């Protein structure tokens, strides 16, 4: 038996995937296993990105943040 309602939801989800303007990331937190330990990268809509690594403390950016930004940018290709 076909589930027509589920099929419609699947088609709608495909449509939503191509309409990135519908989405706004307000905040999130990611844990990453780096070469030197576990790093926590956070995004806050007001503060931007932060990371728990020592490099971030002096430079306010780091390879962990750059990696997350590239991952999110590459999601746009799907």
N, C-alpha and C. Protein backbone atom coordinates (compact mmCIF):
# COMPACT_ATOMS: atom_id res chain seq x y z
N UNK A 1 0.84 -1.18 0.00
CA UNK A 1 0.00 0.00 0.00
C UNK A 1 0.89 1.25 0.00
N UNK A 2 0.60 2.19 -0.85
CA UNK A 2 1.37 3.43 -0.94
C UNK A 2 0.94 4.41 0.14
N UNK A 3 1.93 5.12 0.65
CA UNK A 3 1.65 6.18 1.60
C UNK A 3 1.82 7.51 0.88
N UNK A 4 0.74 8.01 0.31
CA UNK A 4 0.79 9.23 -0.50
C UNK A 4 1.21 10.44 0.33
N UNK A 5 0.78 10.49 1.55
CA UNK A 5 1.14 11.62 2.41
C UNK A 5 2.66 11.64 2.66
N UNK A 6 3.24 10.47 2.91
CA UNK A 6 4.69 10.38 3.12
C UNK A 6 5.43 10.77 1.84
N UNK A 7 4.95 10.33 0.70
CA UNK A 7 5.58 10.71 -0.57
C UNK A 7 5.56 12.22 -0.76
N UNK A 8 4.45 12.86 -0.41
CA UNK A 8 4.37 14.32 -0.53
C UNK A 8 5.38 15.00 0.40
N UNK A 9 5.54 14.44 1.59
CA UNK A 9 6.50 15.01 2.55
C UNK A 9 7.93 14.85 2.03
N UNK A 10 8.23 13.75 1.42
CA UNK A 10 9.57 13.53 0.85
C UNK A 10 9.83 14.52 -0.26
N UNK A 11 8.87 14.73 -1.13
CA UNK A 11 9.02 15.71 -2.22
C UNK A 11 9.17 17.12 -1.67
N UNK A 12 8.41 17.44 -0.64
CA UNK A 12 8.51 18.75 -0.03
C UNK A 12 9.90 18.95 0.59
N UNK A 13 10.44 17.92 1.21
CA UNK A 13 11.77 18.03 1.81
C UNK A 13 12.83 18.28 0.75
N UNK A 14 12.69 17.66 -0.42
CA UNK A 14 13.63 17.90 -1.52
C UNK A 14 13.56 19.35 -1.98
N UNK A 15 12.36 19.88 -2.04
CA UNK A 15 12.17 21.29 -2.42
C UNK A 15 12.84 22.19 -1.40
N UNK A 16 12.63 21.91 -0.12
CA UNK A 16 13.22 22.73 0.95
C UNK A 16 14.75 22.70 0.92
N UNK A 17 15.33 21.59 0.52
CA UNK A 17 16.80 21.48 0.44
C UNK A 17 17.39 22.49 -0.53
N UNK A 18 16.64 22.87 -1.53
CA UNK A 18 17.12 23.81 -2.54
C UNK A 18 16.73 25.26 -2.25
N UNK A 19 16.09 25.50 -1.14
CA UNK A 19 15.66 26.85 -0.77
C UNK A 19 16.32 27.27 0.53
N UNK A 20 17.64 27.44 0.46
CA UNK A 20 18.43 27.73 1.66
C UNK A 20 18.05 29.04 2.32
N UNK A 21 17.43 29.95 1.58
CA UNK A 21 17.02 31.22 2.16
C UNK A 21 15.96 31.04 3.24
N UNK A 22 15.36 29.88 3.30
CA UNK A 22 14.37 29.59 4.34
C UNK A 22 15.01 29.41 5.72
N UNK A 23 16.32 29.16 5.75
CA UNK A 23 16.99 28.77 6.98
C UNK A 23 17.87 29.89 7.52
N UNK A 24 17.90 29.98 8.83
CA UNK A 24 18.80 30.89 9.51
C UNK A 24 19.36 30.14 10.73
N UNK A 25 20.67 29.97 10.75
CA UNK A 25 21.29 29.30 11.88
C UNK A 25 21.45 30.32 12.99
N UNK A 26 20.84 30.06 14.12
CA UNK A 26 20.92 30.99 15.24
C UNK A 26 22.06 30.62 16.18
N UNK A 27 22.20 29.38 16.48
CA UNK A 27 23.32 28.94 17.29
C UNK A 27 23.47 27.43 17.17
N UNK A 28 24.70 26.95 17.35
CA UNK A 28 24.95 25.53 17.38
C UNK A 28 26.27 25.26 18.06
N UNK A 29 26.49 24.00 18.40
CA UNK A 29 27.72 23.57 19.07
C UNK A 29 28.17 22.26 18.44
N UNK A 30 29.47 22.19 18.13
CA UNK A 30 30.04 20.99 17.52
C UNK A 30 31.26 20.58 18.32
N UNK A 31 31.40 19.28 18.58
CA UNK A 31 32.62 18.76 19.17
C UNK A 31 33.43 18.09 18.08
N UNK A 32 34.71 18.41 18.04
CA UNK A 32 35.60 17.89 17.00
C UNK A 32 36.80 17.24 17.65
N UNK A 33 37.17 16.08 17.16
CA UNK A 33 38.40 15.42 17.61
C UNK A 33 39.55 15.92 16.75
N UNK A 34 40.32 16.86 17.28
CA UNK A 34 41.44 17.40 16.52
C UNK A 34 42.69 16.55 16.81
N UNK A 35 43.81 16.91 16.22
CA UNK A 35 45.05 16.18 16.46
C UNK A 35 45.53 16.32 17.90
N UNK A 36 45.08 17.37 18.59
CA UNK A 36 45.57 17.64 19.94
C UNK A 36 44.50 17.55 21.02
N UNK A 37 43.35 17.03 20.69
CA UNK A 37 42.30 16.88 21.69
C UNK A 37 40.93 17.22 21.13
N UNK A 38 39.96 17.18 22.00
CA UNK A 38 38.59 17.49 21.62
C UNK A 38 38.40 19.00 21.71
N UNK A 39 37.89 19.58 20.64
CA UNK A 39 37.62 21.01 20.57
C UNK A 39 36.11 21.22 20.46
N UNK A 40 35.64 22.25 21.09
CA UNK A 40 34.23 22.60 20.99
C UNK A 40 34.12 23.91 20.22
N UNK A 41 33.45 23.86 19.10
CA UNK A 41 33.22 25.02 18.26
C UNK A 41 31.76 25.41 18.42
N UNK A 42 31.54 26.67 18.75
CA UNK A 42 30.17 27.16 18.94
C UNK A 42 29.91 28.30 17.98
N UNK A 43 28.65 28.42 17.60
CA UNK A 43 28.22 29.58 16.84
C UNK A 43 27.04 30.20 17.57
N UNK A 44 27.14 31.48 17.80
CA UNK A 44 26.07 32.26 18.42
C UNK A 44 25.77 33.41 17.47
N UNK A 45 24.53 33.64 17.19
CA UNK A 45 24.13 34.66 16.23
C UNK A 45 24.68 36.05 16.58
N UNK A 46 24.88 36.32 17.87
CA UNK A 46 25.39 37.62 18.30
C UNK A 46 26.91 37.65 18.36
N UNK A 47 27.54 36.57 18.84
CA UNK A 47 28.99 36.54 19.05
C UNK A 47 29.77 35.96 17.88
N UNK A 48 29.11 35.22 17.01
CA UNK A 48 29.81 34.53 15.93
C UNK A 48 30.42 33.22 16.43
N UNK A 49 31.52 32.81 15.81
CA UNK A 49 32.17 31.54 16.14
C UNK A 49 33.13 31.70 17.32
N UNK A 50 33.18 30.66 18.15
CA UNK A 50 34.20 30.56 19.19
C UNK A 50 34.71 29.12 19.21
N UNK A 51 35.93 28.95 19.74
CA UNK A 51 36.52 27.61 19.84
C UNK A 51 37.28 27.52 21.16
N UNK A 52 37.41 26.31 21.66
CA UNK A 52 38.09 26.10 22.94
C UNK A 52 39.60 25.89 22.80
N UNK A 53 40.14 25.96 21.59
CA UNK A 53 41.58 25.74 21.42
C UNK A 53 42.38 26.98 21.84
N UNK A 54 43.66 26.78 22.14
CA UNK A 54 44.53 27.88 22.58
C UNK A 54 44.75 28.91 21.48
N UNK A 55 44.85 28.48 20.24
CA UNK A 55 45.09 29.42 19.13
C UNK A 55 43.96 30.44 19.04
N UNK A 56 42.74 29.99 19.24
CA UNK A 56 41.58 30.88 19.16
C UNK A 56 41.68 32.00 20.20
N UNK A 57 42.20 31.68 21.37
CA UNK A 57 42.25 32.66 22.46
C UNK A 57 43.03 33.92 22.08
N UNK A 58 44.04 33.79 21.22
CA UNK A 58 44.83 34.96 20.84
C UNK A 58 44.46 35.51 19.46
N UNK A 59 43.95 34.67 18.57
CA UNK A 59 43.69 35.09 17.18
C UNK A 59 42.21 35.24 16.83
N UNK A 60 41.33 34.72 17.67
CA UNK A 60 39.88 34.77 17.45
C UNK A 60 39.45 34.08 16.16
N UNK A 61 40.25 33.16 15.71
CA UNK A 61 39.91 32.23 14.63
C UNK A 61 40.86 31.04 14.77
N UNK A 62 40.57 29.97 14.07
CA UNK A 62 41.44 28.79 14.13
C UNK A 62 41.05 27.83 13.02
N UNK A 63 41.85 26.79 12.85
CA UNK A 63 41.58 25.80 11.80
C UNK A 63 40.26 25.06 12.04
N UNK A 64 39.87 24.93 13.29
CA UNK A 64 38.62 24.22 13.61
C UNK A 64 37.41 25.03 13.12
N UNK A 65 37.44 26.33 13.36
CA UNK A 65 36.36 27.21 12.88
C UNK A 65 36.36 27.25 11.36
N UNK A 66 37.55 27.36 10.76
CA UNK A 66 37.63 27.38 9.30
C UNK A 66 37.06 26.11 8.69
N UNK A 67 37.32 24.98 9.33
CA UNK A 67 36.80 23.70 8.83
C UNK A 67 35.28 23.68 8.87
N UNK A 68 34.71 24.11 9.98
CA UNK A 68 33.24 24.14 10.11
C UNK A 68 32.64 25.08 9.07
N UNK A 69 33.25 26.24 8.87
CA UNK A 69 32.74 27.18 7.87
C UNK A 69 32.77 26.56 6.47
N UNK A 70 33.83 25.83 6.16
CA UNK A 70 33.91 25.17 4.84
C UNK A 70 32.89 24.05 4.71
N UNK A 71 32.67 23.31 5.77
CA UNK A 71 31.66 22.25 5.73
C UNK A 71 30.28 22.86 5.45
N UNK A 72 29.95 23.93 6.16
CA UNK A 72 28.64 24.56 5.97
C UNK A 72 28.52 25.16 4.57
N UNK A 73 29.60 25.74 4.07
CA UNK A 73 29.58 26.31 2.72
C UNK A 73 29.38 25.20 1.68
N UNK A 74 30.00 24.06 1.90
CA UNK A 74 29.89 22.95 0.95
C UNK A 74 28.51 22.28 0.99
N UNK A 75 27.78 22.45 2.07
CA UNK A 75 26.41 21.91 2.11
C UNK A 75 25.55 22.53 1.04
N UNK A 76 25.89 23.73 0.62
CA UNK A 76 25.14 24.44 -0.40
C UNK A 76 25.16 23.70 -1.74
N UNK A 77 26.14 22.82 -1.94
CA UNK A 77 26.25 22.08 -3.20
C UNK A 77 25.23 20.97 -3.33
N UNK A 78 24.62 20.56 -2.24
CA UNK A 78 23.69 19.42 -2.29
C UNK A 78 22.33 19.84 -2.65
